């Protein structure tokens, strides 16, 4: 009988043996969601959003290479994908902290970084020609969690899962 529990167990077993597929699907889903928010929802990404996207692009490339080259340096693809996942967690966590005002973000995209010195007409011209998206403003949230927050939580869960498969594989090698 098909139940949520049975489906969950089957998915966990599948991804336990195919962690690169999990990383690939997660990054693909998050990137597609980010681009949908941008191009359909009209929410332009900030500087820190791009950092997160770059991390997911790296995860996509590394996990896809590992999936295509199945037995060729499988460990290398797993390790590099795990590292890229950690970078994604760090970027999303940093951005979430900036949004929550736990720490200040880069001066290039936070409200604390507006330079008001110098020629006011040049400043005005720059402001009129450039669309500045503030990294410390939350453009969308659900249940009190921003997009960066969801990225952090999802990336962290997948990162822990993939790292767990690597550790389990190392233990199995050492035991066997």
N, C-alpha and C. Protein backbone atom coordinates (compact mmCIF):
# COMPACT_ATOMS: atom_id res chain seq x y z
N UNK A 1 0.84 -1.17 0.00
CA UNK A 1 0.00 0.00 0.00
C UNK A 1 0.89 1.25 0.00
N UNK A 2 0.53 2.21 -0.83
CA UNK A 2 1.28 3.45 -0.93
C UNK A 2 0.84 4.41 0.16
N UNK A 3 1.78 4.71 1.04
CA UNK A 3 1.52 5.69 2.08
C UNK A 3 2.64 6.72 2.04
N UNK A 4 2.43 7.81 2.72
CA UNK A 4 3.47 8.85 2.80
C UNK A 4 4.73 8.26 3.43
N UNK A 5 4.55 7.42 4.44
CA UNK A 5 5.69 6.82 5.13
C UNK A 5 6.49 5.93 4.17
N UNK A 6 5.80 5.09 3.39
CA UNK A 6 6.48 4.20 2.45
C UNK A 6 7.20 4.99 1.36
N UNK A 7 6.56 6.03 0.86
CA UNK A 7 7.18 6.86 -0.17
C UNK A 7 8.43 7.54 0.40
N UNK A 8 8.32 8.06 1.61
CA UNK A 8 9.46 8.72 2.26
C UNK A 8 10.62 7.75 2.44
N UNK A 9 10.34 6.55 2.90
CA UNK A 9 11.39 5.55 3.10
C UNK A 9 12.06 5.21 1.77
N UNK A 10 11.26 5.04 0.72
CA UNK A 10 11.82 4.72 -0.60
C UNK A 10 12.70 5.86 -1.11
N UNK A 11 12.26 7.11 -0.92
CA UNK A 11 13.06 8.25 -1.36
C UNK A 11 14.37 8.35 -0.58
N UNK A 12 14.29 8.14 0.73
CA UNK A 12 15.51 8.20 1.54
C UNK A 12 16.49 7.12 1.10
N UNK A 13 15.98 5.91 0.88
CA UNK A 13 16.86 4.83 0.41
C UNK A 13 17.45 5.14 -0.95
N UNK A 14 16.64 5.66 -1.86
CA UNK A 14 17.14 5.99 -3.19
C UNK A 14 18.25 7.04 -3.11
N UNK A 15 17.97 8.14 -2.39
CA UNK A 15 18.95 9.22 -2.31
C UNK A 15 20.16 8.84 -1.47
N UNK A 16 20.00 7.89 -0.54
CA UNK A 16 21.17 7.42 0.22
C UNK A 16 22.18 6.79 -0.71
N UNK A 17 21.69 6.11 -1.73
CA UNK A 17 22.58 5.47 -2.72
C UNK A 17 22.89 6.41 -3.89
N UNK A 18 22.17 7.52 -3.99
CA UNK A 18 22.36 8.47 -5.08
C UNK A 18 22.40 9.92 -4.55
N UNK A 19 23.34 10.23 -3.66
CA UNK A 19 23.35 11.58 -3.07
C UNK A 19 23.62 12.70 -4.09
N UNK A 20 24.33 12.37 -5.16
CA UNK A 20 24.56 13.39 -6.18
C UNK A 20 23.26 13.78 -6.88
N UNK A 21 22.36 12.82 -7.05
CA UNK A 21 21.06 13.11 -7.65
C UNK A 21 20.26 14.04 -6.74
N UNK A 22 20.32 13.81 -5.44
CA UNK A 22 19.63 14.68 -4.49
C UNK A 22 20.18 16.10 -4.57
N UNK A 23 21.51 16.23 -4.57
CA UNK A 23 22.13 17.55 -4.65
C UNK A 23 21.75 18.24 -5.96
N UNK A 24 21.77 17.48 -7.05
CA UNK A 24 21.42 18.04 -8.35
C UNK A 24 19.97 18.54 -8.37
N UNK A 25 19.04 17.70 -7.92
CA UNK A 25 17.62 18.07 -7.94
C UNK A 25 17.33 19.24 -7.00
N UNK A 26 17.99 19.26 -5.84
CA UNK A 26 17.78 20.36 -4.90
C UNK A 26 18.25 21.67 -5.50
N UNK A 27 19.46 21.71 -6.04
CA UNK A 27 19.98 22.95 -6.61
C UNK A 27 19.18 23.39 -7.83
N UNK A 28 18.79 22.43 -8.65
CA UNK A 28 17.97 22.76 -9.82
C UNK A 28 16.65 23.38 -9.37
N UNK A 29 16.00 22.77 -8.38
CA UNK A 29 14.72 23.29 -7.89
C UNK A 29 14.88 24.69 -7.30
N UNK A 30 15.91 24.90 -6.49
CA UNK A 30 16.09 26.21 -5.88
C UNK A 30 16.44 27.28 -6.92
N UNK A 31 17.25 26.92 -7.90
CA UNK A 31 17.57 27.90 -8.95
C UNK A 31 16.34 28.22 -9.81
N UNK A 32 15.57 27.20 -10.16
CA UNK A 32 14.35 27.45 -10.94
C UNK A 32 13.39 28.33 -10.15
N UNK A 33 13.28 28.07 -8.85
CA UNK A 33 12.42 28.90 -8.01
C UNK A 33 12.91 30.34 -7.95
N UNK A 34 14.23 30.52 -7.81
CA UNK A 34 14.79 31.87 -7.75
C UNK A 34 14.54 32.62 -9.07
N UNK A 35 14.74 31.93 -10.19
CA UNK A 35 14.50 32.59 -11.47
C UNK A 35 13.01 32.85 -11.70
N UNK A 36 12.15 31.98 -11.21
CA UNK A 36 10.70 32.23 -11.30
C UNK A 36 10.32 33.47 -10.49
N UNK A 37 10.86 33.59 -9.28
CA UNK A 37 10.59 34.79 -8.49
C UNK A 37 11.10 36.04 -9.20
N UNK A 38 12.21 35.91 -9.91
CA UNK A 38 12.77 37.06 -10.60
C UNK A 38 11.97 37.41 -11.85
N UNK A 39 11.77 36.44 -12.75
CA UNK A 39 11.20 36.75 -14.05
C UNK A 39 9.68 36.71 -14.09
N UNK A 40 9.06 35.95 -13.20
CA UNK A 40 7.60 35.91 -13.15
C UNK A 40 7.09 36.82 -12.04
N UNK A 41 7.75 36.75 -10.89
CA UNK A 41 7.30 37.55 -9.75
C UNK A 41 7.84 38.95 -9.69
N UNK A 42 8.86 39.26 -10.50
CA UNK A 42 9.41 40.60 -10.54
C UNK A 42 10.32 40.96 -9.38
N UNK A 43 10.82 39.97 -8.63
CA UNK A 43 11.72 40.24 -7.51
C UNK A 43 13.16 40.12 -7.98
N UNK A 44 13.80 41.27 -8.14
CA UNK A 44 15.19 41.29 -8.60
C UNK A 44 16.12 40.78 -7.49
N UNK A 45 17.14 40.01 -7.86
CA UNK A 45 18.08 39.50 -6.86
C UNK A 45 19.07 40.58 -6.41
N UNK A 46 19.46 40.49 -5.17
CA UNK A 46 20.49 41.39 -4.66
C UNK A 46 21.86 40.73 -4.86
N UNK A 47 22.89 41.43 -4.42
CA UNK A 47 24.26 40.93 -4.56
C UNK A 47 24.44 39.58 -3.86
N UNK A 48 23.91 39.45 -2.66
CA UNK A 48 24.06 38.20 -1.90
C UNK A 48 23.22 37.08 -2.48
N UNK A 49 22.11 37.42 -3.14
CA UNK A 49 21.31 36.39 -3.83
C UNK A 49 22.14 35.74 -4.94
N UNK A 50 22.93 36.58 -5.62
CA UNK A 50 23.78 36.03 -6.68
C UNK A 50 24.83 35.08 -6.12
N UNK A 51 25.38 35.40 -4.95
CA UNK A 51 26.34 34.48 -4.33
C UNK A 51 25.70 33.12 -4.14
N UNK A 52 24.46 33.11 -3.68
CA UNK A 52 23.76 31.85 -3.47
C UNK A 52 23.52 31.12 -4.79
N UNK A 53 23.16 31.87 -5.81
CA UNK A 53 22.93 31.25 -7.12
C UNK A 53 24.22 30.64 -7.66
N UNK A 54 25.34 31.34 -7.50
CA UNK A 54 26.61 30.80 -7.98
C UNK A 54 26.94 29.48 -7.29
N UNK A 55 26.68 29.41 -6.00
CA UNK A 55 26.93 28.16 -5.26
C UNK A 55 26.07 27.03 -5.84
N UNK A 56 24.81 27.33 -6.13
CA UNK A 56 23.94 26.29 -6.69
C UNK A 56 24.34 25.91 -8.12
N UNK A 57 24.85 26.86 -8.86
CA UNK A 57 25.36 26.55 -10.20
C UNK A 57 26.55 25.60 -10.10
N UNK A 58 27.41 25.83 -9.12
CA UNK A 58 28.55 24.93 -8.90
C UNK A 58 28.07 23.54 -8.49
N UNK A 59 27.08 23.49 -7.61
CA UNK A 59 26.53 22.19 -7.19
C UNK A 59 25.95 21.46 -8.38
N UNK A 60 25.22 22.18 -9.23
CA UNK A 60 24.65 21.56 -10.44
C UNK A 60 25.75 20.97 -11.31
N UNK A 61 26.78 21.75 -11.57
CA UNK A 61 27.86 21.28 -12.44
C UNK A 61 28.60 20.09 -11.86
N UNK A 62 28.95 20.17 -10.59
CA UNK A 62 29.71 19.09 -9.96
C UNK A 62 28.88 17.81 -9.83
N UNK A 63 27.63 17.96 -9.40
CA UNK A 63 26.80 16.76 -9.24
C UNK A 63 26.46 16.16 -10.60
N UNK A 64 26.23 17.00 -11.61
CA UNK A 64 25.96 16.47 -12.96
C UNK A 64 27.18 15.72 -13.49
N UNK A 65 28.35 16.27 -13.29
CA UNK A 65 29.57 15.57 -13.72
C UNK A 65 29.69 14.23 -13.02
N UNK A 66 29.42 14.22 -11.72
CA UNK A 66 29.48 12.97 -10.97
C UNK A 66 28.46 11.96 -11.43
N UNK A 67 27.27 12.44 -11.81
CA UNK A 67 26.23 11.53 -12.30
C UNK A 67 26.58 10.98 -13.68
N UNK A 68 27.17 11.82 -14.51
CA UNK A 68 27.52 11.39 -15.87
C UNK A 68 28.74 10.47 -15.88
N UNK A 69 29.68 10.72 -14.98
CA UNK A 69 30.91 9.93 -14.92
C UNK A 69 30.84 8.94 -13.75
N UNK A 70 29.75 8.25 -13.64
CA UNK A 70 29.38 7.44 -12.49
C UNK A 70 30.52 6.82 -11.69
N UNK A 71 31.32 6.03 -12.31
CA UNK A 71 32.35 5.32 -11.56
C UNK A 71 33.74 5.95 -11.69
N UNK A 72 33.82 7.03 -12.42
CA UNK A 72 35.10 7.69 -12.63
C UNK A 72 35.28 8.75 -11.56
N UNK A 73 36.12 8.50 -10.59
CA UNK A 73 36.40 9.43 -9.50
C UNK A 73 35.13 9.81 -8.73
N UNK A 74 34.29 8.82 -8.44
CA UNK A 74 33.01 9.09 -7.76
C UNK A 74 33.24 9.83 -6.44
N UNK A 75 34.26 9.43 -5.70
CA UNK A 75 34.55 10.08 -4.43
C UNK A 75 34.88 11.55 -4.58
N UNK A 76 35.61 11.88 -5.64
CA UNK A 76 35.95 13.28 -5.90
C UNK A 76 34.70 14.12 -6.12
N UNK A 77 33.77 13.60 -6.91
CA UNK A 77 32.53 14.34 -7.19
C UNK A 77 31.70 14.50 -5.93
N UNK A 78 31.66 13.46 -5.11
CA UNK A 78 30.92 13.55 -3.85
C UNK A 78 31.52 14.61 -2.93
N UNK A 79 32.83 14.57 -2.76
CA UNK A 79 33.50 15.52 -1.87
C UNK A 79 33.36 16.96 -2.38
N UNK A 80 33.58 17.18 -3.66
CA UNK A 80 33.50 18.54 -4.18
C UNK A 80 32.05 19.06 -4.15
N UNK A 81 31.10 18.18 -4.39
CA UNK A 81 29.70 18.58 -4.27
C UNK A 81 29.36 18.92 -2.82
N UNK A 82 29.88 18.13 -1.88
CA UNK A 82 29.64 18.41 -0.46
C UNK A 82 30.23 19.76 -0.07
N UNK A 83 31.41 20.07 -0.59
CA UNK A 83 32.03 21.37 -0.30
C UNK A 83 31.19 22.50 -0.91
N UNK A 84 30.72 22.31 -2.13
CA UNK A 84 29.86 23.33 -2.75
C UNK A 84 28.56 23.50 -1.97
N UNK A 85 28.04 22.41 -1.43
CA UNK A 85 26.85 22.50 -0.58
C UNK A 85 27.13 23.32 0.67
N UNK A 86 28.30 23.13 1.24
CA UNK A 86 28.67 23.92 2.43
C UNK A 86 28.80 25.40 2.08
N UNK A 87 29.32 25.70 0.90
CA UNK A 87 29.41 27.09 0.46
C UNK A 87 28.01 27.67 0.32
N UNK A 88 27.09 26.88 -0.22
CA UNK A 88 25.70 27.32 -0.35
C UNK A 88 25.08 27.61 1.01
N UNK A 89 25.33 26.72 1.97
CA UNK A 89 24.83 26.92 3.34
C UNK A 89 25.41 28.21 3.92
N UNK A 90 26.70 28.41 3.74
CA UNK A 90 27.36 29.60 4.29
C UNK A 90 26.81 30.88 3.64
N UNK A 91 26.66 30.88 2.32
CA UNK A 91 26.15 32.07 1.63
C UNK A 91 24.72 32.38 2.05
N UNK A 92 23.88 31.36 2.11
CA UNK A 92 22.49 31.57 2.51
C UNK A 92 22.39 31.98 3.98
N UNK A 93 23.20 31.37 4.82
CA UNK A 93 23.20 31.73 6.23
C UNK A 93 23.66 33.16 6.45
N UNK A 94 24.70 33.55 5.73
CA UNK A 94 25.19 34.92 5.82
C UNK A 94 24.12 35.91 5.37
N UNK A 95 23.46 35.61 4.24
CA UNK A 95 22.43 36.49 3.72
C UNK A 95 21.25 36.57 4.69
N UNK A 96 20.87 35.46 5.26
CA UNK A 96 19.78 35.45 6.24
C UNK A 96 20.14 36.33 7.43
N UNK A 97 21.37 36.23 7.91
CA UNK A 97 21.82 37.06 9.01
C UNK A 97 21.80 38.54 8.68
N UNK A 98 22.16 38.88 7.44
CA UNK A 98 22.12 40.27 7.01
C UNK A 98 20.66 40.76 6.98
N UNK A 99 19.76 39.92 6.45
CA UNK A 99 18.35 40.29 6.40
C UNK A 99 17.77 40.50 7.80
N UNK A 100 18.18 39.66 8.73
CA UNK A 100 17.64 39.72 10.10
C UNK A 100 18.36 40.77 10.94
N UNK A 101 19.36 41.45 10.34
CA UNK A 101 20.15 42.48 11.03
C UNK A 101 20.97 41.90 12.19
N UNK A 102 21.36 40.62 12.07
CA UNK A 102 22.23 40.00 13.07
C UNK A 102 23.66 40.51 12.88
N UNK A 103 24.01 40.84 11.64
CA UNK A 103 25.30 41.44 11.32
C UNK A 103 25.12 42.27 10.06
N UNK A 104 26.09 43.15 9.82
CA UNK A 104 26.01 44.03 8.66
C UNK A 104 26.55 43.31 7.44
N UNK A 105 25.89 43.51 6.33
CA UNK A 105 26.33 42.91 5.07
C UNK A 105 27.30 43.81 4.35
N UNK A 106 27.61 43.47 3.11
CA UNK A 106 28.52 44.29 2.32
C UNK A 106 27.96 45.70 2.16
N UNK A 107 28.82 46.67 2.19
CA UNK A 107 28.36 48.06 2.07
C UNK A 107 27.82 48.38 0.69
N UNK A 108 28.05 47.49 -0.27
CA UNK A 108 27.56 47.72 -1.63
C UNK A 108 26.07 47.47 -1.78
N UNK A 109 25.46 46.76 -0.81
CA UNK A 109 24.04 46.44 -1.00
C UNK A 109 23.24 46.48 0.30
N UNK A 110 23.71 47.21 1.28
CA UNK A 110 22.91 47.37 2.49
C UNK A 110 22.66 48.85 2.72
N UNK A 111 21.64 49.13 3.46
CA UNK A 111 21.27 50.54 3.65
C UNK A 111 22.33 51.31 4.41
N UNK A 112 23.22 50.62 5.13
CA UNK A 112 24.30 51.30 5.84
C UNK A 112 25.40 51.75 4.89
N UNK A 113 25.40 51.26 3.65
CA UNK A 113 26.51 51.53 2.76
C UNK A 113 26.29 52.66 1.78
N UNK A 114 25.21 53.43 1.91
CA UNK A 114 24.97 54.51 0.97
C UNK A 114 25.95 55.64 1.22
N UNK A 115 26.74 55.94 0.22
CA UNK A 115 27.74 57.00 0.33
C UNK A 115 27.09 58.31 -0.09
N UNK A 116 26.98 59.23 0.84
CA UNK A 116 26.33 60.50 0.55
C UNK A 116 27.33 61.64 0.42
N UNK A 117 28.61 61.32 0.41
CA UNK A 117 29.62 62.36 0.24
C UNK A 117 29.90 62.54 -1.24
N UNK A 118 30.50 63.65 -1.56
CA UNK A 118 30.90 63.88 -2.94
C UNK A 118 29.87 64.68 -3.71
N UNK A 119 29.94 64.58 -5.01
CA UNK A 119 29.10 65.34 -5.91
C UNK A 119 27.67 64.80 -5.89
N UNK A 120 26.73 65.61 -5.46
CA UNK A 120 25.34 65.17 -5.34
C UNK A 120 24.70 64.90 -6.70
N UNK A 121 25.07 65.65 -7.72
CA UNK A 121 24.47 65.41 -9.03
C UNK A 121 24.96 64.08 -9.61
N UNK A 122 26.22 63.73 -9.38
CA UNK A 122 26.74 62.43 -9.83
C UNK A 122 26.07 61.30 -9.05
N UNK A 123 25.88 61.51 -7.76
CA UNK A 123 25.20 60.51 -6.95
C UNK A 123 23.77 60.31 -7.46
N UNK A 124 23.08 61.40 -7.74
CA UNK A 124 21.72 61.32 -8.25
C UNK A 124 21.67 60.60 -9.60
N UNK A 125 22.60 60.94 -10.49
CA UNK A 125 22.65 60.29 -11.81
C UNK A 125 22.89 58.79 -11.66
N UNK A 126 23.81 58.41 -10.78
CA UNK A 126 24.08 56.98 -10.54
C UNK A 126 22.85 56.28 -9.98
N UNK A 127 22.16 56.94 -9.08
CA UNK A 127 20.96 56.33 -8.49
C UNK A 127 19.86 56.16 -9.52
N UNK A 128 19.75 57.09 -10.43
CA UNK A 128 18.69 57.01 -11.44
C UNK A 128 18.99 55.96 -12.50
N UNK A 129 20.27 55.69 -12.74
CA UNK A 129 20.65 54.75 -13.79
C UNK A 129 20.81 53.32 -13.30
N UNK A 130 20.96 53.12 -12.02
CA UNK A 130 21.20 51.78 -11.48
C UNK A 130 20.07 51.38 -10.55
N UNK A 131 19.65 50.14 -10.70
CA UNK A 131 18.62 49.61 -9.80
C UNK A 131 19.35 48.88 -8.68
N UNK A 132 19.32 49.46 -7.50
CA UNK A 132 20.00 48.88 -6.36
C UNK A 132 19.00 48.06 -5.55
N UNK A 133 19.29 46.79 -5.41
CA UNK A 133 18.45 45.92 -4.60
C UNK A 133 19.18 45.72 -3.28
N UNK A 134 18.55 46.10 -2.21
CA UNK A 134 19.18 46.06 -0.90
C UNK A 134 19.22 44.63 -0.35
N UNK A 135 20.39 44.22 0.11
CA UNK A 135 20.57 42.87 0.64
C UNK A 135 19.95 42.70 2.03
N UNK A 136 19.75 43.80 2.74
CA UNK A 136 19.21 43.69 4.09
C UNK A 136 17.70 43.90 4.15
N UNK A 137 17.05 43.94 3.01
CA UNK A 137 15.59 44.03 2.94
C UNK A 137 15.03 42.69 2.49
N UNK A 138 13.95 42.27 3.10
CA UNK A 138 13.32 40.99 2.76
C UNK A 138 12.17 41.26 1.78
N UNK A 139 12.34 40.87 0.51
CA UNK A 139 11.29 41.16 -0.46
C UNK A 139 10.11 40.18 -0.40
N UNK A 140 10.34 38.99 0.16
CA UNK A 140 9.30 37.96 0.21
C UNK A 140 9.60 37.05 1.38
N UNK A 141 8.55 36.65 2.08
CA UNK A 141 8.72 35.68 3.15
C UNK A 141 7.43 34.89 3.32
N UNK A 142 7.57 33.70 3.86
CA UNK A 142 6.43 32.85 4.16
C UNK A 142 6.69 32.23 5.54
N UNK A 143 5.72 32.34 6.42
CA UNK A 143 5.83 31.87 7.80
C UNK A 143 7.01 32.51 8.52
N UNK A 144 7.32 33.76 8.16
CA UNK A 144 8.41 34.48 8.80
C UNK A 144 9.79 34.09 8.33
N UNK A 145 9.88 33.31 7.26
CA UNK A 145 11.18 32.87 6.73
C UNK A 145 11.32 33.42 5.32
N UNK A 146 12.46 34.05 5.05
CA UNK A 146 12.73 34.64 3.73
C UNK A 146 13.21 33.57 2.76
N UNK A 147 13.36 33.97 1.50
CA UNK A 147 13.90 33.05 0.50
C UNK A 147 15.30 32.59 0.89
N UNK A 148 16.12 33.52 1.38
CA UNK A 148 17.47 33.15 1.83
C UNK A 148 17.39 32.17 3.00
N UNK A 149 16.42 32.37 3.87
CA UNK A 149 16.23 31.46 5.01
C UNK A 149 15.84 30.06 4.55
N UNK A 150 14.91 29.97 3.60
CA UNK A 150 14.55 28.66 3.06
C UNK A 150 15.73 28.01 2.35
N UNK A 151 16.48 28.81 1.60
CA UNK A 151 17.67 28.29 0.93
C UNK A 151 18.63 27.72 1.97
N UNK A 152 18.83 28.45 3.07
CA UNK A 152 19.71 27.98 4.14
C UNK A 152 19.22 26.65 4.70
N UNK A 153 17.94 26.57 5.05
CA UNK A 153 17.41 25.35 5.67
C UNK A 153 17.47 24.15 4.73
N UNK A 154 17.08 24.36 3.48
CA UNK A 154 17.08 23.25 2.50
C UNK A 154 18.51 22.83 2.18
N UNK A 155 19.39 23.81 1.94
CA UNK A 155 20.79 23.48 1.64
C UNK A 155 21.46 22.79 2.81
N UNK A 156 21.15 23.22 4.03
CA UNK A 156 21.72 22.59 5.22
C UNK A 156 21.28 21.14 5.33
N UNK A 157 19.99 20.87 5.13
CA UNK A 157 19.48 19.50 5.21
C UNK A 157 20.15 18.61 4.17
N UNK A 158 20.25 19.09 2.94
CA UNK A 158 20.86 18.29 1.88
C UNK A 158 22.36 18.13 2.13
N UNK A 159 23.00 19.17 2.60
CA UNK A 159 24.42 19.10 2.90
C UNK A 159 24.70 18.05 3.99
N UNK A 160 23.90 18.06 5.04
CA UNK A 160 24.07 17.06 6.10
C UNK A 160 23.81 15.65 5.59
N UNK A 161 22.81 15.50 4.74
CA UNK A 161 22.49 14.20 4.18
C UNK A 161 23.64 13.67 3.31
N UNK A 162 24.13 14.53 2.40
CA UNK A 162 25.23 14.12 1.51
C UNK A 162 26.49 13.82 2.32
N UNK A 163 26.79 14.67 3.29
CA UNK A 163 27.95 14.43 4.15
C UNK A 163 27.78 13.13 4.93
N UNK A 164 26.57 12.86 5.37
CA UNK A 164 26.29 11.59 6.06
C UNK A 164 26.55 10.38 5.18
N UNK A 165 26.20 10.48 3.89
CA UNK A 165 26.47 9.34 2.99
C UNK A 165 27.97 9.15 2.79
N UNK A 166 28.71 10.25 2.75
CA UNK A 166 30.16 10.16 2.59
C UNK A 166 30.77 9.50 3.83
N UNK A 167 30.37 9.95 5.01
CA UNK A 167 30.90 9.38 6.25
C UNK A 167 30.53 7.90 6.37
N UNK A 168 29.30 7.56 6.03
CA UNK A 168 28.87 6.16 6.08
C UNK A 168 29.70 5.32 5.11
N UNK A 169 29.98 5.86 3.93
CA UNK A 169 30.80 5.14 2.96
C UNK A 169 32.22 4.93 3.46
N UNK A 170 32.78 5.95 4.12
CA UNK A 170 34.12 5.80 4.69
C UNK A 170 34.15 4.77 5.79
N UNK A 171 33.13 4.78 6.65
CA UNK A 171 33.06 3.80 7.73
C UNK A 171 32.91 2.38 7.17
N UNK A 172 32.12 2.25 6.14
CA UNK A 172 31.91 0.95 5.53
C UNK A 172 33.21 0.43 4.93
N UNK A 173 33.99 1.32 4.31
CA UNK A 173 35.29 0.92 3.74
C UNK A 173 36.24 0.47 4.85
N UNK A 174 36.25 1.20 5.96
CA UNK A 174 37.16 0.88 7.06
C UNK A 174 36.74 -0.41 7.77
N UNK A 175 35.43 -0.68 7.82
CA UNK A 175 34.94 -1.89 8.48
C UNK A 175 35.10 -3.12 7.56
N UNK A 176 35.05 -2.91 6.28
CA UNK A 176 35.04 -4.03 5.35
C UNK A 176 36.31 -4.18 4.71
